[in-house]
Amino acid sequence: MGLLKFLFITICILWLIKMIGRLLLPVLFQKMMTKAQNQANQRYQQQHPEPDGRIRVDYMPPKDKHPGDDAGDFVEYEEIKTP
């Protein structure tokens, strides 16, 4: 009789834990997801601050003094007209 009572109480406790888990785990996971999302948003805001409306130029390429130099080799020729 003592063994049956022990098994019955153990099964009841496990069933209660299962029911409580079904009710509480979704709420706990939702809170964890919200917290993680807020932390990710804070990190993103720290890395990418709001623009202040000014234009910044980090690099300006050097101006080319002779724009035709890199066009290739050209050979002068005369056009000969045949009668």
Protein backbone atom coordinates (compact mmCIF):
# COMPACT_ATOMS: atom_id res chain seq x y z
CA MET A 1 0.00 0.00 0.00
CA GLY A 2 2.89 2.36 0.74
CA LEU A 3 4.34 1.86 -2.76
CA LEU A 4 1.03 2.71 -4.46
CA LYS A 5 0.67 5.84 -2.34
CA PHE A 6 4.26 6.89 -3.25
CA LEU A 7 3.62 6.29 -6.99
CA PHE A 8 0.31 8.18 -6.88
CA ILE A 9 1.86 11.20 -5.13
CA THR A 10 4.86 11.17 -7.52
CA ILE A 11 2.59 11.03 -10.58
CA CYS A 12 0.45 13.87 -9.19
CA ILE A 13 3.50 16.04 -8.50
CA LEU A 14 4.93 15.41 -11.98
CA TRP A 15 1.53 16.19 -13.54
CA LEU A 16 1.33 19.47 -11.58
CA ILE A 17 4.85 20.42 -12.66
CA LYS A 18 3.89 19.72 -16.27
CA MET A 19 0.75 21.91 -16.03
CA ILE A 20 2.58 24.75 -14.31
CA GLY A 21 5.32 24.52 -16.94
CA ARG A 22 2.76 24.81 -19.74
CA LEU A 23 1.40 27.97 -18.16
CA LEU A 24 4.60 29.68 -17.05
CA LEU A 25 7.18 28.76 -19.70
CA PRO A 26 5.59 30.76 -22.55
CA VAL A 27 5.45 33.84 -20.31
CA LEU A 28 9.08 33.38 -19.26
CA PHE A 29 10.24 32.87 -22.85
CA GLN A 30 8.31 35.98 -23.96
CA LYS A 31 10.03 38.05 -21.26
CA MET A 32 13.44 36.67 -22.24
CA MET A 33 12.81 37.46 -25.92
CA THR A 34 11.68 41.00 -25.10
CA LYS A 35 14.76 41.57 -22.95
CA ALA A 36 17.11 40.22 -25.64
CA GLN A 37 15.40 42.34 -28.29
CA ASN A 38 15.76 45.48 -26.16
CA GLN A 39 19.45 44.76 -25.60
CA ALA A 40 19.99 44.25 -29.34
CA ASN A 41 18.21 47.54 -30.09
CA GLN A 42 20.36 49.37 -27.54
CA ARG A 43 23.56 47.93 -29.05
CA TYR A 44 22.38 48.92 -32.54
CA GLN A 45 21.57 52.46 -31.39
CA GLN A 46 25.04 52.78 -29.84
CA GLN A 47 26.77 51.61 -33.02
CA HIS A 48 24.58 53.59 -35.44
CA PRO A 49 23.71 56.98 -33.94
CA GLU A 50 21.08 59.20 -35.54
CA PRO A 51 22.47 61.37 -38.37
CA ASP A 52 22.71 65.06 -37.52
CA GLY A 53 22.00 66.32 -41.05
CA ARG A 54 25.56 67.27 -41.94
CA ILE A 55 27.43 65.69 -44.83
CA ARG A 56 30.82 64.23 -44.02
CA VAL A 57 33.38 63.27 -46.65
CA ASP A 58 35.97 60.82 -45.36
CA TYR A 59 38.01 60.45 -48.55
CA MET A 60 38.45 62.60 -51.63
CA PRO A 61 40.34 61.03 -54.53
CA PRO A 62 43.23 63.06 -55.91
CA LYS A 63 42.41 65.21 -58.91
CA ASP A 64 43.82 63.94 -62.20
CA LYS A 65 46.00 66.60 -63.88
CA HIS A 66 45.95 65.02 -67.35
CA PRO A 67 42.61 63.36 -68.03
CA GLY A 68 43.63 62.16 -71.51
CA ASP A 69 46.74 60.26 -70.43
CA ASP A 70 44.98 57.06 -69.48
CA ALA A 71 42.84 56.92 -72.62
CA GLY A 72 45.34 54.71 -74.51
CA ASP A 73 47.78 55.05 -77.41
CA PHE A 74 46.62 56.99 -80.41
CA VAL A 75 48.24 56.99 -83.84
CA GLU A 76 47.81 59.98 -86.10
CA TYR A 77 46.83 59.17 -89.63
CA GLU A 78 45.82 60.87 -92.85
CA GLU A 79 42.79 59.82 -94.76
CA ILE A 80 43.59 59.12 -98.40
CA LYS A 81 40.77 59.56 -100.85
CA THR A 82 40.82 57.41 -103.95
CA PRO A 83 39.38 58.76 -107.21
